[in-house]
Amino acid sequence: PIKSEELLKTIKQGWERHRLEKLRQTNRELEQR
């Protein structure tokens, strides 16, 4: 069964990591440009 605390923590950590990966990708593209 889903626990609210675990769900919110997973979403927050996942989104933080997701944004970081996108920023790194953007940075690589800018460096190449």
PDB file of all heavy atoms in Angstrom:
ATOM      1  N   PRO A   1       0.829  -1.211   0.000  1.00  0.00           N
ATOM      2  CA  PRO A   1       0.000   0.000   0.000  1.00  0.00           C
ATOM      3  C   PRO A   1       0.865   1.264   0.000  1.00  0.00           C
ATOM      4  O   PRO A   1       1.923   1.305   0.631  1.00  0.00           O
ATOM      5  CB  PRO A   1      -0.813  -0.127   1.287  1.00  0.00           C
ATOM      6  CG  PRO A   1       0.044  -0.963   2.189  1.00  0.00           C
ATOM      7  CD  PRO A   1       0.761  -1.928   1.299  1.00  0.00           C
ATOM      8  N   ILE A   2       0.411   2.264  -0.744  1.00  0.00           N
ATOM      9  CA  ILE A   2       1.188   3.481  -0.927  1.00  0.00           C
ATOM     10  C   ILE A   2       1.114   4.357   0.326  1.00  0.00           C
ATOM     11  O   ILE A   2       0.031   4.659   0.824  1.00  0.00           O
ATOM     12  CB  ILE A   2       0.685   4.279  -2.148  1.00  0.00           C
ATOM     13  CG1 ILE A   2       0.685   3.381  -3.395  1.00  0.00           C
ATOM     14  CG2 ILE A   2       1.525   5.522  -2.349  1.00  0.00           C
ATOM     15  CD1 ILE A   2       2.041   2.887  -3.796  1.00  0.00           C
ATOM     16  N   LYS A   3       2.276   4.757   0.813  1.00  0.00           N
ATOM     17  CA  LYS A   3       2.344   5.701   1.936  1.00  0.00           C
ATOM     18  C   LYS A   3       2.604   7.094   1.369  1.00  0.00           C
ATOM     19  O   LYS A   3       3.484   7.277   0.529  1.00  0.00           O
ATOM     20  CB  LYS A   3       3.462   5.310   2.894  1.00  0.00           C
ATOM     21  CG  LYS A   3       3.252   3.957   3.554  1.00  0.00           C
ATOM     22  CD  LYS A   3       4.409   3.620   4.485  1.00  0.00           C
ATOM     23  CE  LYS A   3       4.206   2.264   5.140  1.00  0.00           C
ATOM     24  NZ  LYS A   3       5.342   1.909   6.039  1.00  0.00           N
ATOM     25  N   SER A   4       1.831   8.059   1.819  1.00  0.00           N
ATOM     26  CA  SER A   4       1.934   9.418   1.288  1.00  0.00           C
ATOM     27  C   SER A   4       3.342   9.977   1.402  1.00  0.00           C
ATOM     28  O   SER A   4       3.860  10.597   0.457  1.00  0.00           O
ATOM     29  CB  SER A   4       0.957  10.348   2.016  1.00  0.00           C
ATOM     30  OG  SER A   4      -0.376   9.935   1.833  1.00  0.00           O
ATOM     31  N   GLU A   5       3.997   9.751   2.544  1.00  0.00           N
ATOM     32  CA  GLU A   5       5.337  10.294   2.747  1.00  0.00           C
ATOM     33  C   GLU A   5       6.314   9.711   1.740  1.00  0.00           C
ATOM     34  O   GLU A   5       7.146  10.426   1.156  1.00  0.00           O
ATOM     35  CB  GLU A   5       5.829  10.006   4.168  1.00  0.00           C
ATOM     36  CG  GLU A   5       5.014  10.666   5.272  1.00  0.00           C
ATOM     37  CD  GLU A   5       3.735   9.909   5.590  1.00  0.00           C
ATOM     38  OE1 GLU A   5       3.507   8.826   5.008  1.00  0.00           O
ATOM     39  OE2 GLU A   5       2.953  10.403   6.429  1.00  0.00           O
ATOM     40  N   GLU A   6       6.224   8.407   1.520  1.00  0.00           N
ATOM     41  CA  GLU A   6       7.127   7.748   0.574  1.00  0.00           C
ATOM     42  C   GLU A   6       6.860   8.232  -0.850  1.00  0.00           C
ATOM     43  O   GLU A   6       7.789   8.476  -1.630  1.00  0.00           O
ATOM     44  CB  GLU A   6       6.945   6.232   0.646  1.00  0.00           C
ATOM     45  CG  GLU A   6       7.872   5.469  -0.296  1.00  0.00           C
ATOM     46  CD  GLU A   6       7.607   3.972  -0.271  1.00  0.00           C
ATOM     47  OE1 GLU A   6       6.652   3.551   0.416  1.00  0.00           O
ATOM     48  OE2 GLU A   6       8.344   3.238  -0.951  1.00  0.00           O
ATOM     49  N   LEU A   7       5.597   8.371  -1.198  1.00  0.00           N
ATOM     50  CA  LEU A   7       5.232   8.838  -2.531  1.00  0.00           C
ATOM     51  C   LEU A   7       5.783  10.238  -2.791  1.00  0.00           C
ATOM     52  O   LEU A   7       6.418  10.480  -3.830  1.00  0.00           O
ATOM     53  CB  LEU A   7       3.710   8.838  -2.684  1.00  0.00           C
ATOM     54  CG  LEU A   7       3.171   9.452  -3.979  1.00  0.00           C
ATOM     55  CD1 LEU A   7       3.607   8.648  -5.186  1.00  0.00           C
ATOM     56  CD2 LEU A   7       1.641   9.549  -3.919  1.00  0.00           C
ATOM     57  N   LEU A   8       5.541  11.154  -1.865  1.00  0.00           N
ATOM     58  CA  LEU A   8       5.987  12.531  -2.046  1.00  0.00           C
ATOM     59  C   LEU A   8       7.509  12.623  -2.097  1.00  0.00           C
ATOM     60  O   LEU A   8       8.071  13.394  -2.882  1.00  0.00           O
ATOM     61  CB  LEU A   8       5.444  13.406  -0.921  1.00  0.00           C
ATOM     62  CG  LEU A   8       3.920  13.568  -0.885  1.00  0.00           C
ATOM     63  CD1 LEU A   8       3.482  14.295   0.380  1.00  0.00           C
ATOM     64  CD2 LEU A   8       3.423  14.314  -2.127  1.00  0.00           C
ATOM     65  N   LYS A   9       8.186  11.828  -1.277  1.00  0.00           N
ATOM     66  CA  LYS A   9       9.653  11.826  -1.280  1.00  0.00           C
ATOM     67  C   LYS A   9      10.191  11.325  -2.609  1.00  0.00           C
ATOM     68  O   LYS A   9      11.131  11.903  -3.175  1.00  0.00           O
ATOM     69  CB  LYS A   9      10.162  10.956  -0.132  1.00  0.00           C
ATOM     70  CG  LYS A   9      11.683  10.901  -0.041  1.00  0.00           C
ATOM     71  CD  LYS A   9      12.121  10.019   1.121  1.00  0.00           C
ATOM     72  CE  LYS A   9      13.642   9.923   1.171  1.00  0.00           C
ATOM     73  NZ  LYS A   9      14.106   9.054   2.296  1.00  0.00           N
ATOM     74  N   THR A  10       9.595  10.249  -3.131  1.00  0.00           N
ATOM     75  CA  THR A  10      10.051   9.688  -4.403  1.00  0.00           C
ATOM     76  C   THR A  10       9.840  10.672  -5.547  1.00  0.00           C
ATOM     77  O   THR A  10      10.709  10.850  -6.408  1.00  0.00           O
ATOM     78  CB  THR A  10       9.303   8.371  -4.701  1.00  0.00           C
ATOM     79  OG1 THR A  10       9.539   7.439  -3.651  1.00  0.00           O
ATOM     80  CG2 THR A  10       9.776   7.766  -6.020  1.00  0.00           C
ATOM     81  N   ILE A  11       8.676  11.322  -5.556  1.00  0.00           N
ATOM     82  CA  ILE A  11       8.388  12.301  -6.614  1.00  0.00           C
ATOM     83  C   ILE A  11       9.368  13.480  -6.538  1.00  0.00           C
ATOM     84  O   ILE A  11       9.922  13.911  -7.561  1.00  0.00           O
ATOM     85  CB  ILE A  11       6.940  12.807  -6.504  1.00  0.00           C
ATOM     86  CG1 ILE A  11       5.971  11.685  -6.872  1.00  0.00           C
ATOM     87  CG2 ILE A  11       6.721  14.013  -7.413  1.00  0.00           C
ATOM     88  CD1 ILE A  11       4.512  12.052  -6.687  1.00  0.00           C
ATOM     89  N   LYS A  12       9.614  13.988  -5.334  1.00  0.00           N
ATOM     90  CA  LYS A  12      10.517  15.129  -5.166  1.00  0.00           C
ATOM     91  C   LYS A  12      11.932  14.776  -5.607  1.00  0.00           C
ATOM     92  O   LYS A  12      12.579  15.534  -6.352  1.00  0.00           O
ATOM     93  CB  LYS A  12      10.520  15.582  -3.705  1.00  0.00           C
ATOM     94  CG  LYS A  12      11.413  16.784  -3.453  1.00  0.00           C
ATOM     95  CD  LYS A  12      11.364  17.215  -1.986  1.00  0.00           C
ATOM     96  CE  LYS A  12      12.282  18.406  -1.752  1.00  0.00           C
ATOM     97  NZ  LYS A  12      12.250  18.844  -0.337  1.00  0.00           N
ATOM     98  N   GLN A  13      12.426  13.611  -5.164  1.00  0.00           N
ATOM     99  CA  GLN A  13      13.776  13.205  -5.533  1.00  0.00           C
ATOM    100  C   GLN A  13      13.885  12.945  -7.038  1.00  0.00           C
ATOM    101  O   GLN A  13      14.881  13.311  -7.664  1.00  0.00           O
ATOM    102  CB  GLN A  13      14.177  11.949  -4.751  1.00  0.00           C
ATOM    103  CG  GLN A  13      14.382  12.189  -3.268  1.00  0.00           C
ATOM    104  CD  GLN A  13      14.718  10.928  -2.502  1.00  0.00           C
ATOM    105  OE1 GLN A  13      14.471   9.802  -2.966  1.00  0.00           O
ATOM    106  NE2 GLN A  13      15.280  11.086  -1.316  1.00  0.00           N
ATOM    107  N   GLY A  14      12.859  12.308  -7.583  1.00  0.00           N
ATOM    108  CA  GLY A  14      12.872  12.019  -9.015  1.00  0.00           C
ATOM    109  C   GLY A  14      12.865  13.280  -9.855  1.00  0.00           C
ATOM    110  O   GLY A  14      13.596  13.392 -10.846  1.00  0.00           O
ATOM    111  N   TRP A  15      12.047  14.247  -9.460  1.00  0.00           N
ATOM    112  CA  TRP A  15      11.954  15.496 -10.227  1.00  0.00           C
ATOM    113  C   TRP A  15      13.238  16.302 -10.114  1.00  0.00           C
ATOM    114  O   TRP A  15      13.693  16.916 -11.084  1.00  0.00           O
ATOM    115  CB  TRP A  15      10.754  16.299  -9.746  1.00  0.00           C
ATOM    116  CG  TRP A  15      10.535  17.542 -10.549  1.00  0.00           C
ATOM    117  CD1 TRP A  15      10.518  18.818 -10.094  1.00  0.00           C
ATOM    118  CD2 TRP A  15      10.286  17.620 -11.955  1.00  0.00           C
ATOM    119  NE1 TRP A  15      10.276  19.695 -11.120  1.00  0.00           N
ATOM    120  CE2 TRP A  15      10.132  18.984 -12.270  1.00  0.00           C
ATOM    121  CE3 TRP A  15      10.185  16.665 -12.966  1.00  0.00           C
ATOM    122  CZ2 TRP A  15       9.892  19.423 -13.578  1.00  0.00           C
ATOM    123  CZ3 TRP A  15       9.942  17.094 -14.270  1.00  0.00           C
ATOM    124  CH2 TRP A  15       9.794  18.456 -14.552  1.00  0.00           C
ATOM    125  N   GLU A  16      13.841  16.291  -8.923  1.00  0.00           N
ATOM    126  CA  GLU A  16      15.113  16.995  -8.730  1.00  0.00           C
ATOM    127  C   GLU A  16      16.195  16.388  -9.629  1.00  0.00           C
ATOM    128  O   GLU A  16      16.944  17.108 -10.295  1.00  0.00           O
ATOM    129  CB  GLU A  16      15.536  16.901  -7.266  1.00  0.00           C
ATOM    130  CG  GLU A  16      16.712  17.766  -6.903  1.00  0.00           C
ATOM    131  CD  GLU A  16      16.316  19.199  -6.607  1.00  0.00           C
ATOM    132  OE1 GLU A  16      15.128  19.523  -6.665  1.00  0.00           O
ATOM    133  OE2 GLU A  16      17.223  19.992  -6.321  1.00  0.00           O
ATOM    134  N   ARG A  17      16.261  15.082  -9.663  1.00  0.00           N
ATOM    135  CA  ARG A  17      17.249  14.409 -10.512  1.00  0.00           C
ATOM    136  C   ARG A  17      16.946  14.647 -11.980  1.00  0.00           C
ATOM    137  O   ARG A  17      17.853  14.871 -12.787  1.00  0.00           O
ATOM    138  CB  ARG A  17      17.236  12.903 -10.209  1.00  0.00           C
ATOM    139  CG  ARG A  17      18.155  12.088 -11.092  1.00  0.00           C
ATOM    140  CD  ARG A  17      18.095  10.628 -10.723  1.00  0.00           C
ATOM    141  NE  ARG A  17      18.774   9.790 -11.697  1.00  0.00           N
ATOM    142  CZ  ARG A  17      18.814   8.462 -11.643  1.00  0.00           C
ATOM    143  NH1 ARG A  17      18.227   7.831 -10.647  1.00  0.00           N
ATOM    144  NH2 ARG A  17      19.449   7.774 -12.570  1.00  0.00           N
ATOM    145  N   HIS A  18      15.676  14.628 -12.322  1.00  0.00           N
ATOM    146  CA  HIS A  18      15.249  14.849 -13.702  1.00  0.00           C
ATOM    147  C   HIS A  18      15.664  16.247 -14.170  1.00  0.00           C
ATOM    148  O   HIS A  18      16.202  16.414 -15.277  1.00  0.00           O
ATOM    149  CB  HIS A  18      13.730  14.695 -13.790  1.00  0.00           C
ATOM    150  CG  HIS A  18      13.169  14.790 -15.171  1.00  0.00           C
ATOM    151  ND1 HIS A  18      13.398  13.839 -16.135  1.00  0.00           N
ATOM    152  CD2 HIS A  18      12.389  15.734 -15.750  1.00  0.00           C
ATOM    153  CE1 HIS A  18      12.769  14.192 -17.248  1.00  0.00           C
ATOM    154  NE2 HIS A  18      12.164  15.342 -17.038  1.00  0.00           N
ATOM    155  N   ARG A  19      15.430  17.256 -13.336  1.00  0.00           N
ATOM    156  CA  ARG A  19      15.804  18.627 -13.700  1.00  0.00           C
ATOM    157  C   ARG A  19      17.312  18.771 -13.831  1.00  0.00           C
ATOM    158  O   ARG A  19      17.813  19.473 -14.719  1.00  0.00           O
ATOM    159  CB  ARG A  19      15.278  19.611 -12.649  1.00  0.00           C
ATOM    160  CG  ARG A  19      13.781  19.828 -12.691  1.00  0.00           C
ATOM    161  CD  ARG A  19      13.397  21.069 -11.927  1.00  0.00           C
ATOM    162  NE  ARG A  19      13.839  21.004 -10.541  1.00  0.00           N
ATOM    163  CZ  ARG A  19      13.750  22.016  -9.685  1.00  0.00           C
ATOM    164  NH1 ARG A  19      13.270  23.170 -10.083  1.00  0.00           N
ATOM    165  NH2 ARG A  19      14.136  21.874  -8.435  1.00  0.00           N
ATOM    166  N   LEU A  20      18.068  18.106 -12.956  1.00  0.00           N
ATOM    167  CA  LEU A  20      19.516  18.180 -13.000  1.00  0.00           C
ATOM    168  C   LEU A  20      20.048  17.581 -14.300  1.00  0.00           C
ATOM    169  O   LEU A  20      20.952  18.143 -14.942  1.00  0.00           O
ATOM    170  CB  LEU A  20      20.104  17.447 -11.789  1.00  0.00           C
ATOM    171  CG  LEU A  20      21.632  17.473 -11.650  1.00  0.00           C
ATOM    172  CD1 LEU A  20      22.122  18.910 -11.556  1.00  0.00           C
ATOM    173  CD2 LEU A  20      22.062  16.678 -10.421  1.00  0.00           C
ATOM    174  N   GLU A  21      19.485  16.454 -14.711  1.00  0.00           N
ATOM    175  CA  GLU A  21      19.909  15.830 -15.960  1.00  0.00           C
ATOM    176  C   GLU A  21      19.599  16.720 -17.154  1.00  0.00           C
ATOM    177  O   GLU A  21      20.395  16.830 -18.097  1.00  0.00           O
ATOM    178  CB  GLU A  21      19.230  14.469 -16.115  1.00  0.00           C
ATOM    179  CG  GLU A  21      19.748  13.419 -15.130  1.00  0.00           C
ATOM    180  CD  GLU A  21      18.974  12.110 -15.210  1.00  0.00           C
ATOM    181  OE1 GLU A  21      17.947  12.073 -15.929  1.00  0.00           O
ATOM    182  OE2 GLU A  21      19.400  11.139 -14.564  1.00  0.00           O
ATOM    183  N   LYS A  22      18.428  17.384 -17.123  1.00  0.00           N
ATOM    184  CA  LYS A  22      18.069  18.281 -18.212  1.00  0.00           C
ATOM    185  C   LYS A  22      19.011  19.481 -18.260  1.00  0.00           C
ATOM    186  O   LYS A  22      19.401  19.942 -19.349  1.00  0.00           O
ATOM    187  CB  LYS A  22      16.628  18.752 -18.043  1.00  0.00           C
ATOM    188  CG  LYS A  22      15.593  17.670 -18.239  1.00  0.00           C
ATOM    189  CD  LYS A  22      15.577  17.159 -19.672  1.00  0.00           C
ATOM    190  CE  LYS A  22      15.123  18.215 -20.651  1.00  0.00           C
ATOM    191  NZ  LYS A  22      15.109  17.705 -22.041  1.00  0.00           N
ATOM    192  N   LEU A  23      19.382  20.004 -17.093  1.00  0.00           N
ATOM    193  CA  LEU A  23      20.310  21.126 -17.049  1.00  0.00           C
ATOM    194  C   LEU A  23      21.678  20.733 -17.591  1.00  0.00           C
ATOM    195  O   LEU A  23      22.320  21.499 -18.320  1.00  0.00           O
ATOM    196  CB  LEU A  23      20.446  21.639 -15.613  1.00  0.00           C
ATOM    197  CG  LEU A  23      19.259  22.442 -15.074  1.00  0.00           C
ATOM    198  CD1 LEU A  23      19.433  22.702 -13.586  1.00  0.00           C
ATOM    199  CD2 LEU A  23      19.143  23.766 -15.819  1.00  0.00           C
ATOM    200  N   ARG A  24      22.131  19.543 -17.239  1.00  0.00           N
ATOM    201  CA  ARG A  24      23.415  19.076 -17.750  1.00  0.00           C
ATOM    202  C   ARG A  24      23.367  18.903 -19.269  1.00  0.00           C
ATOM    203  O   ARG A  24      24.333  19.228 -19.973  1.00  0.00           O
ATOM    204  CB  ARG A  24      23.790  17.753 -17.071  1.00  0.00           C
ATOM    205  CG  ARG A  24      24.220  17.934 -15.614  1.00  0.00           C
ATOM    206  CD  ARG A  24      24.389  16.606 -14.916  1.00  0.00           C
ATOM    207  NE  ARG A  24      24.903  16.780 -13.556  1.00  0.00           N
ATOM    208  CZ  ARG A  24      24.920  15.824 -12.637  1.00  0.00           C
ATOM    209  NH1 ARG A  24      24.442  14.617 -12.921  1.00  0.00           N
ATOM    210  NH2 ARG A  24      25.409  16.066 -11.434  1.00  0.00           N
ATOM    211  N   GLN A  25      22.248  18.388 -19.752  1.00  0.00           N
ATOM    212  CA  GLN A  25      22.091  18.244 -21.202  1.00  0.00           C
ATOM    213  C   GLN A  25      22.101  19.614 -21.887  1.00  0.00           C
ATOM    214  O   GLN A  25      22.750  19.798 -22.924  1.00  0.00           O
ATOM    215  CB  GLN A  25      20.784  17.513 -21.517  1.00  0.00           C
ATOM    216  CG  GLN A  25      20.540  17.325 -23.006  1.00  0.00           C
ATOM    217  CD  GLN A  25      19.212  16.647 -23.287  1.00  0.00           C
ATOM    218  OE1 GLN A  25      18.563  16.111 -22.380  1.00  0.00           O
ATOM    219  NE2 GLN A  25      18.788  16.666 -24.526  1.00  0.00           N
ATOM    220  N   THR A  26      21.371  20.576 -21.291  1.00  0.00           N
ATOM    221  CA  THR A  26      21.355  21.926 -21.844  1.00  0.00           C
ATOM    222  C   THR A  26      22.746  22.534 -21.843  1.00  0.00           C
ATOM    223  O   THR A  26      23.164  23.186 -22.811  1.00  0.00           O
ATOM    224  CB  THR A  26      20.407  22.831 -21.031  1.00  0.00           C
ATOM    225  OG1 THR A  26      19.089  22.290 -21.082  1.00  0.00           O
ATOM    226  CG2 THR A  26      20.390  24.249 -21.587  1.00  0.00           C
ATOM    227  N   ASN A  27      23.491  22.277 -20.781  1.00  0.00           N
ATOM    228  CA  ASN A  27      24.845  22.802 -20.689  1.00  0.00           C
ATOM    229  C   ASN A  27      25.741  22.207 -21.762  1.00  0.00           C
ATOM    230  O   ASN A  27      26.542  22.919 -22.393  1.00  0.00           O
ATOM    231  CB  ASN A  27      25.413  22.515 -19.298  1.00  0.00           C
ATOM    232  CG  ASN A  27      26.735  23.209 -19.054  1.00  0.00           C
ATOM    233  OD1 ASN A  27      26.894  24.381 -19.369  1.00  0.00           O
ATOM    234  ND2 ASN A  27      27.687  22.490 -18.509  1.00  0.00           N
ATOM    235  N   ARG A  28      25.617  20.899 -21.990  1.00  0.00           N
ATOM    236  CA  ARG A  28      26.414  20.255 -23.046  1.00  0.00           C
ATOM    237  C   ARG A  28      26.075  20.837 -24.416  1.00  0.00           C
ATOM    238  O   ARG A  28      26.965  21.063 -25.248  1.00  0.00           O
ATOM    239  CB  ARG A  28      26.185  18.739 -23.027  1.00  0.00           C
ATOM    240  CG  ARG A  28      26.820  18.017 -21.841  1.00  0.00           C
ATOM    241  CD  ARG A  28      26.809  16.521 -22.051  1.00  0.00           C
ATOM    242  NE  ARG A  28      25.466  15.983 -22.097  1.00  0.00           N
ATOM    243  CZ  ARG A  28      24.813  15.527 -21.025  1.00  0.00           C
ATOM    244  NH1 ARG A  28      25.382  15.556 -19.833  1.00  0.00           N
ATOM    245  NH2 ARG A  28      23.593  15.029 -21.132  1.00  0.00           N
ATOM    246  N   GLU A  29      24.791  21.065 -24.644  1.00  0.00           N
ATOM    247  CA  GLU A  29      24.375  21.633 -25.922  1.00  0.00           C
ATOM    248  C   GLU A  29      24.901  23.051 -26.092  1.00  0.00           C
ATOM    249  O   GLU A  29      25.315  23.438 -27.190  1.00  0.00           O
ATOM    250  CB  GLU A  29      22.846  21.616 -26.015  1.00  0.00           C
ATOM    251  CG  GLU A  29      22.263  20.213 -26.116  1.00  0.00           C
ATOM    252  CD  GLU A  29      20.751  20.198 -26.038  1.00  0.00           C
ATOM    253  OE1 GLU A  29      20.168  21.274 -25.778  1.00  0.00           O
ATOM    254  OE2 GLU A  29      20.157  19.121 -26.221  1.00  0.00           O
ATOM    255  N   LEU A  30      24.890  23.840 -24.998  1.00  0.00           N
ATOM    256  CA  LEU A  30      25.412  25.198 -25.072  1.00  0.00           C
ATOM    257  C   LEU A  30      26.914  25.202 -25.338  1.00  0.00           C
ATOM    258  O   LEU A  30      27.422  26.022 -26.120  1.00  0.00           O
ATOM    259  CB  LEU A  30      25.122  25.944 -23.770  1.00  0.00           C
ATOM    260  CG  LEU A  30      23.687  26.447 -23.591  1.00  0.00           C
ATOM    261  CD1 LEU A  30      23.496  26.970 -22.179  1.00  0.00           C
ATOM    262  CD2 LEU A  30      23.362  27.538 -24.601  1.00  0.00           C
ATOM    263  N   GLU A  31      27.632  24.300 -24.686  1.00  0.00           N
ATOM    264  CA  GLU A  31      29.068  24.215 -24.913  1.00  0.00           C
ATOM    265  C   GLU A  31      29.371  23.848 -26.365  1.00  0.00           C
ATOM    266  O   GLU A  31      30.287  24.408 -26.980  1.00  0.00           O
ATOM    267  CB  GLU A  31      29.687  23.180 -23.967  1.00  0.00           C
ATOM    268  CG  GLU A  31      29.722  23.635 -22.510  1.00  0.00           C
ATOM    269  CD  GLU A  31      30.258  22.569 -21.586  1.00  0.00           C
ATOM    270  OE1 GLU A  31      30.332  21.397 -22.017  1.00  0.00           O
ATOM    271  OE2 GLU A  31      30.609  22.898 -20.434  1.00  0.00           O
ATOM    272  N   GLN A  32      28.591  22.902 -26.911  1.00  0.00           N
ATOM    273  CA  GLN A  32      28.778  22.524 -28.310  1.00  0.00           C
ATOM    274  C   GLN A  32      28.440  23.680 -29.237  1.00  0.00           C
ATOM    275  O   GLN A  32      29.151  23.932 -30.215  1.00  0.00           O
ATOM    276  CB  GLN A  32      27.900  21.307 -28.643  1.00  0.00           C
ATOM    277  CG  GLN A  32      28.038  20.806 -30.074  1.00  0.00           C
ATOM    278  CD  GLN A  32      29.431  20.345 -30.406  1.00  0.00           C
ATOM    279  OE1 GLN A  32      30.134  19.780 -29.564  1.00  0.00           O
ATOM    280  NE2 GLN A  32      29.863  20.568 -31.635  1.00  0.00           N
ATOM    281  N   ARG A  33      27.368  24.407 -28.905  1.00  0.00           N
ATOM    282  CA  ARG A  33      26.986  25.556 -29.729  1.00  0.00           C
ATOM    283  C   ARG A  33      28.060  26.645 -29.672  1.00  0.00           C
ATOM    284  O   ARG A  33      28.359  27.285 -30.681  1.00  0.00           O
ATOM    285  CB  ARG A  33      25.649  26.107 -29.246  1.00  0.00           C
ATOM    286  CG  ARG A  33      25.100  27.269 -30.068  1.00  0.00           C
ATOM    287  CD  ARG A  33      24.838  26.872 -31.512  1.00  0.00           C
ATOM    288  NE  ARG A  33      23.825  25.859 -31.597  1.00  0.00           N
ATOM    289  CZ  ARG A  33      22.520  26.114 -31.666  1.00  0.00           C
ATOM    290  NH1 ARG A  33      22.092  27.364 -31.647  1.00  0.00           N
ATOM    291  NH2 ARG A  33      21.663  25.126 -31.772  1.00  0.00           N
TER     292      ARG A  33
END
